[in-house]
Amino acid sequence: MTPAQLVFQGDMILLAEFQADWMAIHQRRQKEIDRNNANENKRRIPHECKAGNLVAKRQPGILPKLQMKREGPFEVIAVFDNDAVRIRRGAVT
């Protein structure tokens, strides 16, 4: 199918009607998305953060060219059920 066939429900040059099967198009696209996600995720290395690990904190916003993009390392004090962590930043946690 060409984009013109999908939009105008017919061929631009020939007088032939065209009926798009939108469900099949959606399923094919979703299958492609799922396959691409599986391909990217197979290279990931699982990691669970534990108390005592060292982490770096990302600087928010748009930074000047030579400024450090992360600050740290900071010690992880606690890991919560939702994977949030509490870190020690000097005298502050």
PDB file of N, CA and C in Angstrom:
ATOM      1  N   MET A   1       0.838  -1.186   0.000  1.00  0.00           N
ATOM      2  CA  MET A   1       0.000   0.000   0.000  1.00  0.00           C
ATOM      3  C   MET A   1       0.878   1.242   0.000  1.00  0.00           C
ATOM      4  N   THR A   2       0.464   2.204  -0.742  1.00  0.00           N
ATOM      5  CA  THR A   2       1.146   3.483  -0.711  1.00  0.00           C
ATOM      6  C   THR A   2       0.368   4.412   0.217  1.00  0.00           C
ATOM      7  N   PRO A   3       0.998   5.478   0.697  1.00  0.00           N
ATOM      8  CA  PRO A   3       0.264   6.432   1.532  1.00  0.00           C
ATOM      9  C   PRO A   3      -0.949   7.025   0.822  1.00  0.00           C
ATOM     10  N   ALA A   4      -0.837   7.247  -0.468  1.00  0.00           N
ATOM     11  CA  ALA A   4      -1.958   7.810  -1.224  1.00  0.00           C
ATOM     12  C   ALA A   4      -3.132   6.833  -1.264  1.00  0.00           C
ATOM     13  N   GLN A   5      -2.845   5.543  -1.397  1.00  0.00           N
ATOM     14  CA  GLN A   5      -3.913   4.550  -1.402  1.00  0.00           C
ATOM     15  C   GLN A   5      -4.627   4.520  -0.055  1.00  0.00           C
ATOM     16  N   LEU A   6      -3.886   4.684   1.030  1.00  0.00           N
ATOM     17  CA  LEU A   6      -4.500   4.672   2.355  1.00  0.00           C
ATOM     18  C   LEU A   6      -5.357   5.908   2.579  1.00  0.00           C
ATOM     19  N   VAL A   7      -4.882   7.070   2.136  1.00  0.00           N
ATOM     20  CA  VAL A   7      -5.594   8.319   2.380  1.00  0.00           C
ATOM     21  C   VAL A   7      -6.821   8.438   1.482  1.00  0.00           C
ATOM     22  N   PHE A   8      -6.649   8.200   0.203  1.00  0.00           N
ATOM     23  CA  PHE A   8      -7.724   8.442  -0.756  1.00  0.00           C
ATOM     24  C   PHE A   8      -8.552   7.200  -1.062  1.00  0.00           C
ATOM     25  N   GLN A   9      -8.236   6.061  -0.476  1.00  0.00           N
ATOM     26  CA  GLN A   9      -8.947   4.802  -0.680  1.00  0.00           C
ATOM     27  C   GLN A   9      -9.030   4.421  -2.153  1.00  0.00           C
ATOM     28  N   GLY A  10      -7.993   4.700  -2.865  1.00  0.00           N
ATOM     29  CA  GLY A  10      -7.934   4.341  -4.277  1.00  0.00           C
ATOM     30  C   GLY A  10      -6.566   4.670  -4.839  1.00  0.00           C
ATOM     31  N   ASP A  11      -6.317   4.194  -6.045  1.00  0.00           N
ATOM     32  CA  ASP A  11      -5.038   4.445  -6.685  1.00  0.00           C
ATOM     33  C   ASP A  11      -5.044   5.838  -7.302  1.00  0.00           C
ATOM     34  N   MET A  12      -3.897   6.517  -7.292  1.00  0.00           N
ATOM     35  CA  MET A  12      -3.808   7.882  -7.807  1.00  0.00           C
ATOM     36  C   MET A  12      -3.798   7.897  -9.341  1.00  0.00           C
ATOM     37  N   ILE A  13      -3.316   6.836  -9.950  1.00  0.00           N
ATOM     38  CA  ILE A  13      -3.175   6.826 -11.402  1.00  0.00           C
ATOM     39  C   ILE A  13      -4.297   6.030 -12.064  1.00  0.00           C
ATOM     40  N   LEU A  14      -4.543   4.835 -11.566  1.00  0.00           N
ATOM     41  CA  LEU A  14      -5.587   3.982 -12.131  1.00  0.00           C
ATOM     42  C   LEU A  14      -6.892   4.225 -11.376  1.00  0.00           C
ATOM     43  N   LEU A  15      -8.000   3.975 -12.032  1.00  0.00           N
ATOM     44  CA  LEU A  15      -9.296   4.103 -11.383  1.00  0.00           C
ATOM     45  C   LEU A  15      -9.653   2.800 -10.681  1.00  0.00           C
ATOM     46  N   ALA A  16      -8.871   2.465  -9.707  1.00  0.00           N
ATOM     47  CA  ALA A  16      -9.107   1.233  -8.957  1.00  0.00           C
ATOM     48  C   ALA A  16      -9.320   1.598  -7.494  1.00  0.00           C
ATOM     49  N   GLU A  17     -10.364   1.014  -6.913  1.00  0.00           N
ATOM     50  CA  GLU A  17     -10.620   1.277  -5.500  1.00  0.00           C
ATOM     51  C   GLU A  17      -9.711   0.422  -4.644  1.00  0.00           C
ATOM     52  N   PHE A  18      -9.481   0.909  -3.452  1.00  0.00           N
ATOM     53  CA  PHE A  18      -8.616   0.199  -2.527  1.00  0.00           C
ATOM     54  C   PHE A  18      -9.216   0.314  -1.134  1.00  0.00           C
ATOM     55  N   GLN A  19      -9.370  -0.799  -0.465  1.00  0.00           N
ATOM     56  CA  GLN A  19      -9.894  -0.799   0.900  1.00  0.00           C
ATOM     57  C   GLN A  19      -8.785  -1.281   1.832  1.00  0.00           C
ATOM     58  N   ALA A  20      -8.361  -0.428   2.738  1.00  0.00           N
ATOM     59  CA  ALA A  20      -7.276  -0.765   3.657  1.00  0.00           C
ATOM     60  C   ALA A  20      -7.800  -1.623   4.803  1.00  0.00           C
ATOM     61  N   ASP A  21      -7.023  -2.597   5.184  1.00  0.00           N
ATOM     62  CA  ASP A  21      -7.332  -3.433   6.347  1.00  0.00           C
ATOM     63  C   ASP A  21      -6.544  -2.868   7.529  1.00  0.00           C
ATOM     64  N   TRP A  22      -7.161  -1.909   8.232  1.00  0.00           N
ATOM     65  CA  TRP A  22      -6.453  -1.180   9.287  1.00  0.00           C
ATOM     66  C   TRP A  22      -6.041  -2.088  10.436  1.00  0.00           C
ATOM     67  N   MET A  23      -6.824  -3.094  10.739  1.00  0.00           N
ATOM     68  CA  MET A  23      -6.475  -4.012  11.830  1.00  0.00           C
ATOM     69  C   MET A  23      -5.199  -4.791  11.484  1.00  0.00           C
ATOM     70  N   ALA A  24      -5.087  -5.245  10.240  1.00  0.00           N
ATOM     71  CA  ALA A  24      -3.888  -5.968   9.821  1.00  0.00           C
ATOM     72  C   ALA A  24      -2.669  -5.059   9.843  1.00  0.00           C
ATOM     73  N   ILE A  25      -2.846  -3.797   9.424  1.00  0.00           N
ATOM     74  CA  ILE A  25      -1.747  -2.829   9.453  1.00  0.00           C
ATOM     75  C   ILE A  25      -1.298  -2.606  10.891  1.00  0.00           C
ATOM     76  N   HIS A  26      -2.250  -2.437  11.802  1.00  0.00           N
ATOM     77  CA  HIS A  26      -1.921  -2.219  13.218  1.00  0.00           C
ATOM     78  C   HIS A  26      -1.193  -3.423  13.809  1.00  0.00           C
ATOM     79  N   GLN A  27      -1.687  -4.622  13.518  1.00  0.00           N
ATOM     80  CA  GLN A  27      -1.060  -5.831  14.056  1.00  0.00           C
ATOM     81  C   GLN A  27       0.356  -6.010  13.526  1.00  0.00           C
ATOM     82  N   ARG A  28       0.567  -5.715  12.245  1.00  0.00           N
ATOM     83  CA  ARG A  28       1.895  -5.844  11.660  1.00  0.00           C
ATOM     84  C   ARG A  28       2.868  -4.851  12.285  1.00  0.00           C
ATOM     85  N   ARG A  29       2.406  -3.613  12.505  1.00  0.00           N
ATOM     86  CA  ARG A  29       3.257  -2.612  13.145  1.00  0.00           C
ATOM     87  C   ARG A  29       3.586  -3.002  14.582  1.00  0.00           C
ATOM     88  N   GLN A  30       2.583  -3.504  15.326  1.00  0.00           N
ATOM     89  CA  GLN A  30       2.816  -3.898  16.713  1.00  0.00           C
ATOM     90  C   GLN A  30       3.790  -5.067  16.797  1.00  0.00           C
ATOM     91  N   LYS A  31       3.694  -5.995  15.851  1.00  0.00           N
ATOM     92  CA  LYS A  31       4.614  -7.130  15.804  1.00  0.00           C
ATOM     93  C   LYS A  31       6.045  -6.646  15.572  1.00  0.00           C
ATOM     94  N   GLU A  32       6.214  -5.670  14.691  1.00  0.00           N
ATOM     95  CA  GLU A  32       7.530  -5.087  14.416  1.00  0.00           C
ATOM     96  C   GLU A  32       8.074  -4.373  15.654  1.00  0.00           C
ATOM     97  N   ILE A  33       7.224  -3.629  16.346  1.00  0.00           N
ATOM     98  CA  ILE A  33       7.633  -2.933  17.569  1.00  0.00           C
ATOM     99  C   ILE A  33       8.072  -3.935  18.627  1.00  0.00           C
ATOM    100  N   ASP A  34       7.297  -4.994  18.822  1.00  0.00           N
ATOM    101  CA  ASP A  34       7.635  -6.012  19.819  1.00  0.00           C
ATOM    102  C   ASP A  34       8.960  -6.691  19.490  1.00  0.00           C
ATOM    103  N   ARG A  35       9.174  -6.977  18.198  1.00  0.00           N
ATOM    104  CA  ARG A  35      10.427  -7.618  17.794  1.00  0.00           C
ATOM    105  C   ARG A  35      11.623  -6.695  18.023  1.00  0.00           C
ATOM    106  N   ASN A  36      11.472  -5.401  17.713  1.00  0.00           N
ATOM    107  CA  ASN A  36      12.557  -4.447  17.944  1.00  0.00           C
ATOM    108  C   ASN A  36      12.856  -4.293  19.436  1.00  0.00           C
ATOM    109  N   ASN A  37      11.807  -4.244  20.268  1.00  0.00           N
ATOM    110  CA  ASN A  37      12.013  -4.142  21.713  1.00  0.00           C
ATOM    111  C   ASN A  37      12.742  -5.360  22.253  1.00  0.00           C
ATOM    112  N   ALA A  38      12.348  -6.543  21.818  1.00  0.00           N
ATOM    113  CA  ALA A  38      13.009  -7.767  22.276  1.00  0.00           C
ATOM    114  C   ALA A  38      14.468  -7.773  21.849  1.00  0.00           C
ATOM    115  N   ASN A  39      14.752  -7.286  20.639  1.00  0.00           N
ATOM    116  CA  ASN A  39      16.119  -7.237  20.140  1.00  0.00           C
ATOM    117  C   ASN A  39      16.970  -6.282  20.973  1.00  0.00           C
ATOM    118  N   GLU A  40      16.427  -5.120  21.352  1.00  0.00           N
ATOM    119  CA  GLU A  40      17.179  -4.172  22.178  1.00  0.00           C
ATOM    120  C   GLU A  40      17.348  -4.688  23.600  1.00  0.00           C
ATOM    121  N   ASN A  41      16.320  -5.291  24.153  1.00  0.00           N
ATOM    122  CA  ASN A  41      16.365  -5.721  25.547  1.00  0.00           C
ATOM    123  C   ASN A  41      17.257  -6.931  25.782  1.00  0.00           C
ATOM    124  N   LYS A  42      17.559  -7.712  24.756  1.00  0.00           N
ATOM    125  CA  LYS A  42      18.400  -8.885  24.974  1.00  0.00           C
ATOM    126  C   LYS A  42      19.852  -8.489  25.282  1.00  0.00           C
ATOM    127  N   ARG A  43      20.251  -7.255  24.971  1.00  0.00           N
ATOM    128  CA  ARG A  43      21.613  -6.788  25.265  1.00  0.00           C
ATOM    129  C   ARG A  43      21.733  -6.151  26.651  1.00  0.00           C
ATOM    130  N   ARG A  44      20.603  -5.941  27.324  1.00  0.00           N
ATOM    131  CA  ARG A  44      20.637  -5.288  28.631  1.00  0.00           C
ATOM    132  C   ARG A  44      21.193  -6.226  29.697  1.00  0.00           C
ATOM    133  N   ILE A  45      21.918  -5.655  30.627  1.00  0.00           N
ATOM    134  CA  ILE A  45      22.463  -6.414  31.739  1.00  0.00           C
ATOM    135  C   ILE A  45      21.643  -6.053  32.970  1.00  0.00           C
ATOM    136  N   PRO A  46      20.966  -7.020  33.571  1.00  0.00           N
ATOM    137  CA  PRO A  46      20.150  -6.698  34.750  1.00  0.00           C
ATOM    138  C   PRO A  46      21.031  -6.293  35.927  1.00  0.00           C
ATOM    139  N   HIS A  47      20.577  -5.314  36.688  1.00  0.00           N
ATOM    140  CA  HIS A  47      21.324  -4.850  37.853  1.00  0.00           C
ATOM    141  C   HIS A  47      20.351  -4.438  38.934  1.00  0.00           C
ATOM    142  N   GLU A  48      20.614  -4.881  40.147  1.00  0.00           N
ATOM    143  CA  GLU A  48      19.818  -4.470  41.286  1.00  0.00           C
ATOM    144  C   GLU A  48      20.701  -3.668  42.214  1.00  0.00           C
ATOM    145  N   CYS A  49      20.238  -2.491  42.557  1.00  0.00           N
ATOM    146  CA  CYS A  49      20.987  -1.618  43.438  1.00  0.00           C
ATOM    147  C   CYS A  49      20.824  -2.100  44.877  1.00  0.00           C
ATOM    148  N   LYS A  50      21.904  -2.065  45.648  1.00  0.00           N
ATOM    149  CA  LYS A  50      21.875  -2.491  47.042  1.00  0.00           C
ATOM    150  C   LYS A  50      22.440  -1.376  47.904  1.00  0.00           C
ATOM    151  N   ALA A  51      22.087  -1.400  49.178  1.00  0.00           N
ATOM    152  CA  ALA A  51      22.647  -0.434  50.120  1.00  0.00           C
ATOM    153  C   ALA A  51      24.161  -0.617  50.150  1.00  0.00           C
ATOM    154  N   GLY A  52      24.879   0.488  50.122  1.00  0.00           N
ATOM    155  CA  GLY A  52      26.336   0.449  50.107  1.00  0.00           C
ATOM    156  C   GLY A  52      26.927   0.692  48.727  1.00  0.00           C
ATOM    157  N   ASN A  53      26.135   0.549  47.665  1.00  0.00           N
ATOM    158  CA  ASN A  53      26.622   0.834  46.312  1.00  0.00           C
ATOM    159  C   ASN A  53      26.895   2.328  46.163  1.00  0.00           C
ATOM    160  N   LEU A  54      27.700   2.668  45.180  1.00  0.00           N
ATOM    161  CA  LEU A  54      27.956   4.063  44.853  1.00  0.00           C
ATOM    162  C   LEU A  54      27.234   4.410  43.562  1.00  0.00           C
ATOM    163  N   VAL A  55      26.585   5.586  43.537  1.00  0.00           N
ATOM    164  CA  VAL A  55      25.852   6.031  42.358  1.00  0.00           C
ATOM    165  C   VAL A  55      26.235   7.465  42.033  1.00  0.00           C
ATOM    166  N   ALA A  56      25.973   7.879  40.794  1.00  0.00           N
ATOM    167  CA  ALA A  56      26.174   9.261  40.364  1.00  0.00           C
ATOM    168  C   ALA A  56      24.811   9.879  40.106  1.00  0.00           C
ATOM    169  N   LYS A  57      24.660  11.152  40.429  1.00  0.00           N
ATOM    170  CA  LYS A  57      23.398  11.863  40.231  1.00  0.00           C
ATOM    171  C   LYS A  57      23.524  12.752  39.010  1.00  0.00           C
ATOM    172  N   ARG A  58      22.558  12.658  38.111  1.00  0.00           N
ATOM    173  CA  ARG A  58      22.568  13.449  36.883  1.00  0.00           C
ATOM    174  C   ARG A  58      22.168  14.887  37.183  1.00  0.00           C
ATOM    175  N   GLN A  59      22.846  15.843  36.561  1.00  0.00           N
ATOM    176  CA  GLN A  59      22.532  17.261  36.714  1.00  0.00           C
ATOM    177  C   GLN A  59      21.305  17.587  35.870  1.00  0.00           C
ATOM    178  N   PRO A  60      20.306  18.284  36.408  1.00  0.00           N
ATOM    179  CA  PRO A  60      19.102  18.605  35.627  1.00  0.00           C
ATOM    180  C   PRO A  60      19.336  19.760  34.647  1.00  0.00           C
ATOM    181  N   GLY A  61      18.522  19.818  33.621  1.00  0.00           N
ATOM    182  CA  GLY A  61      18.523  20.948  32.692  1.00  0.00           C
ATOM    183  C   GLY A  61      19.582  20.844  31.615  1.00  0.00           C
ATOM    184  N   ILE A  62      19.712  21.935  30.853  1.00  0.00           N
ATOM    185  CA  ILE A  62      20.703  22.034  29.788  1.00  0.00           C
ATOM    186  C   ILE A  62      21.964  22.625  30.397  1.00  0.00           C
ATOM    187  N   LEU A  63      23.071  21.915  30.243  1.00  0.00           N
ATOM    188  CA  LEU A  63      24.316  22.312  30.892  1.00  0.00           C
ATOM    189  C   LEU A  63      25.278  22.937  29.897  1.00  0.00           C
ATOM    190  N   PRO A  64      26.144  23.838  30.370  1.00  0.00           N
ATOM    191  CA  PRO A  64      27.197  24.361  29.495  1.00  0.00           C
ATOM    192  C   PRO A  64      28.104  23.231  29.004  1.00  0.00           C
ATOM    193  N   LYS A  65      28.807  23.505  27.948  1.00  0.00           N
ATOM    194  CA  LYS A  65      29.569  22.492  27.232  1.00  0.00           C
ATOM    195  C   LYS A  65      30.554  21.726  28.123  1.00  0.00           C
ATOM    196  N   LEU A  66      31.301  22.409  28.959  1.00  0.00           N
ATOM    197  CA  LEU A  66      32.353  21.752  29.721  1.00  0.00           C
ATOM    198  C   LEU A  66      31.955  21.409  31.152  1.00  0.00           C
ATOM    199  N   GLN A  67      30.717  21.613  31.521  1.00  0.00           N
ATOM    200  CA  GLN A  67      30.290  21.299  32.878  1.00  0.00           C
ATOM    201  C   GLN A  67      30.031  19.800  33.007  1.00  0.00           C
ATOM    202  N   MET A  68      30.341  19.259  34.175  1.00  0.00           N
ATOM    203  CA  MET A  68      30.127  17.833  34.431  1.00  0.00           C
ATOM    204  C   MET A  68      28.631  17.518  34.372  1.00  0.00           C
ATOM    205  N   LYS A  69      28.281  16.464  33.684  1.00  0.00           N
ATOM    206  CA  LYS A  69      26.874  16.096  33.532  1.00  0.00           C
ATOM    207  C   LYS A  69      26.353  15.318  34.738  1.00  0.00           C
ATOM    208  N   ARG A  70      27.253  14.794  35.554  1.00  0.00           N
ATOM    209  CA  ARG A  70      26.866  14.042  36.749  1.00  0.00           C
ATOM    210  C   ARG A  70      27.705  14.506  37.924  1.00  0.00           C
ATOM    211  N   GLU A  71      27.113  14.380  39.107  1.00  0.00           N
ATOM    212  CA  GLU A  71      27.868  14.658  40.313  1.00  0.00           C
ATOM    213  C   GLU A  71      27.876  13.411  41.174  1.00  0.00           C
ATOM    214  N   GLY A  72      28.894  13.242  41.961  1.00  0.00           N
ATOM    215  CA  GLY A  72      28.963  12.057  42.805  1.00  0.00           C
ATOM    216  C   GLY A  72      30.367  11.520  42.804  1.00  0.00           C
ATOM    217  N   PRO A  73      30.623  10.358  43.264  1.00  0.00           N
ATOM    218  CA  PRO A  73      29.683   9.302  43.622  1.00  0.00           C
ATOM    219  C   PRO A  73      29.102   9.513  45.023  1.00  0.00           C
ATOM    220  N   PHE A  74      27.873   9.016  45.190  1.00  0.00           N
ATOM    221  CA  PHE A  74      27.186   9.071  46.470  1.00  0.00           C
ATOM    222  C   PHE A  74      26.859   7.644  46.909  1.00  0.00           C
ATOM    223  N   GLU A  75      26.853   7.439  48.214  1.00  0.00           N
ATOM    224  CA  GLU A  75      26.563   6.111  48.762  1.00  0.00           C
ATOM    225  C   GLU A  75      25.053   5.899  48.857  1.00  0.00           C
ATOM    226  N   VAL A  76      24.594   4.716  48.462  1.00  0.00           N
ATOM    227  CA  VAL A  76      23.182   4.352  48.589  1.00  0.00           C
ATOM    228  C   VAL A  76      22.951   3.895  50.023  1.00  0.00           C
ATOM    229  N   ILE A  77      22.000   4.528  50.694  1.00  0.00           N
ATOM    230  CA  ILE A  77      21.686   4.169  52.080  1.00  0.00           C
ATOM    231  C   ILE A  77      20.567   3.149  52.129  1.00  0.00           C
ATOM    232  N   ALA A  78      19.524   3.342  51.318  1.00  0.00           N
ATOM    233  CA  ALA A  78      18.377   2.435  51.335  1.00  0.00           C
ATOM    234  C   ALA A  78      17.796   2.306  49.939  1.00  0.00           C
ATOM    235  N   VAL A  79      17.247   1.129  49.645  1.00  0.00           N
ATOM    236  CA  VAL A  79      16.544   0.873  48.388  1.00  0.00           C
ATOM    237  C   VAL A  79      15.111   0.524  48.747  1.00  0.00           C
ATOM    238  N   PHE A  80      14.140   1.207  48.119  1.00  0.00           N
ATOM    239  CA  PHE A  80      12.732   1.010  48.426  1.00  0.00           C
ATOM    240  C   PHE A  80      12.095   0.042  47.444  1.00  0.00           C
ATOM    241  N   ASP A  81      10.852  -0.376  47.731  1.00  0.00           N
ATOM    242  CA  ASP A  81      10.144  -1.365  46.909  1.00  0.00           C
ATOM    243  C   ASP A  81       9.935  -0.903  45.474  1.00  0.00           C
ATOM    244  N   ASN A  82       9.785   0.422  45.250  1.00  0.00           N
ATOM    245  CA  ASN A  82       9.542   0.934  43.901  1.00  0.00           C
ATOM    246  C   ASN A  82      10.842   1.283  43.179  1.00  0.00           C
ATOM    247  N   ASP A  83      11.973   0.752  43.660  1.00  0.00           N
ATOM    248  CA  ASP A  83      13.317   0.945  43.093  1.00  0.00           C
ATOM    249  C   ASP A  83      13.852   2.354  43.273  1.00  0.00           C
ATOM    250  N   ALA A  84      13.202   3.176  44.085  1.00  0.00           N
ATOM    251  CA  ALA A  84      13.760   4.469  44.449  1.00  0.00           C
ATOM    252  C   ALA A  84      14.874   4.218  45.472  1.00  0.00           C
ATOM    253  N   VAL A  85      15.859   5.100  45.496  1.00  0.00           N
ATOM    254  CA  VAL A  85      16.963   4.941  46.441  1.00  0.00           C
ATOM    255  C   VAL A  85      17.136   6.205  47.277  1.00  0.00           C
ATOM    256  N   ARG A  86      17.663   6.022  48.456  1.00  0.00           N
ATOM    257  CA  ARG A  86      18.049   7.156  49.309  1.00  0.00           C
ATOM    258  C   ARG A  86      19.571   7.174  49.313  1.00  0.00           C
ATOM    259  N   ILE A  87      20.122   8.362  49.028  1.00  0.00           N
ATOM    260  CA  ILE A  87      21.592   8.489  48.955  1.00  0.00           C
ATOM    261  C   ILE A  87      22.069   9.481  50.013  1.00  0.00           C
ATOM    262  N   ARG A  88      23.341   9.365  50.354  1.00  0.00           N
ATOM    263  CA  ARG A  88      23.951  10.306  51.284  1.00  0.00           C
ATOM    264  C   ARG A  88      24.785  11.289  50.482  1.00  0.00           C
ATOM    265  N   ARG A  89      24.398  12.587  50.589  1.00  0.00           N
ATOM    266  CA  ARG A  89      25.120  13.681  49.916  1.00  0.00           C
ATOM    267  C   ARG A  89      25.724  14.568  50.995  1.00  0.00           C
ATOM    268  N   GLY A  90      26.887  14.220  51.451  1.00  0.00           N
ATOM    269  CA  GLY A  90      27.518  14.966  52.537  1.00  0.00           C
ATOM    270  C   GLY A  90      26.752  14.705  53.828  1.00  0.00           C
ATOM    271  N   ALA A  91      26.260  15.782  54.473  1.00  0.00           N
ATOM    272  CA  ALA A  91      25.510  15.631  55.714  1.00  0.00           C
ATOM    273  C   ALA A  91      24.019  15.395  55.455  1.00  0.00           C
ATOM    274  N   VAL A  92      23.586  15.454  54.197  1.00  0.00           N
ATOM    275  CA  VAL A  92      22.178  15.344  53.843  1.00  0.00           C
ATOM    276  C   VAL A  92      21.919  13.964  53.236  1.00  0.00           C
ATOM    277  N   THR A  93      20.716  13.383  53.542  1.00  0.00           N
ATOM    278  CA  THR A  93      20.346  12.130  52.890  1.00  0.00           C
ATOM    279  C   THR A  93      19.136  12.356  52.032  1.00  0.00           C
TER     280      THR A  93
END
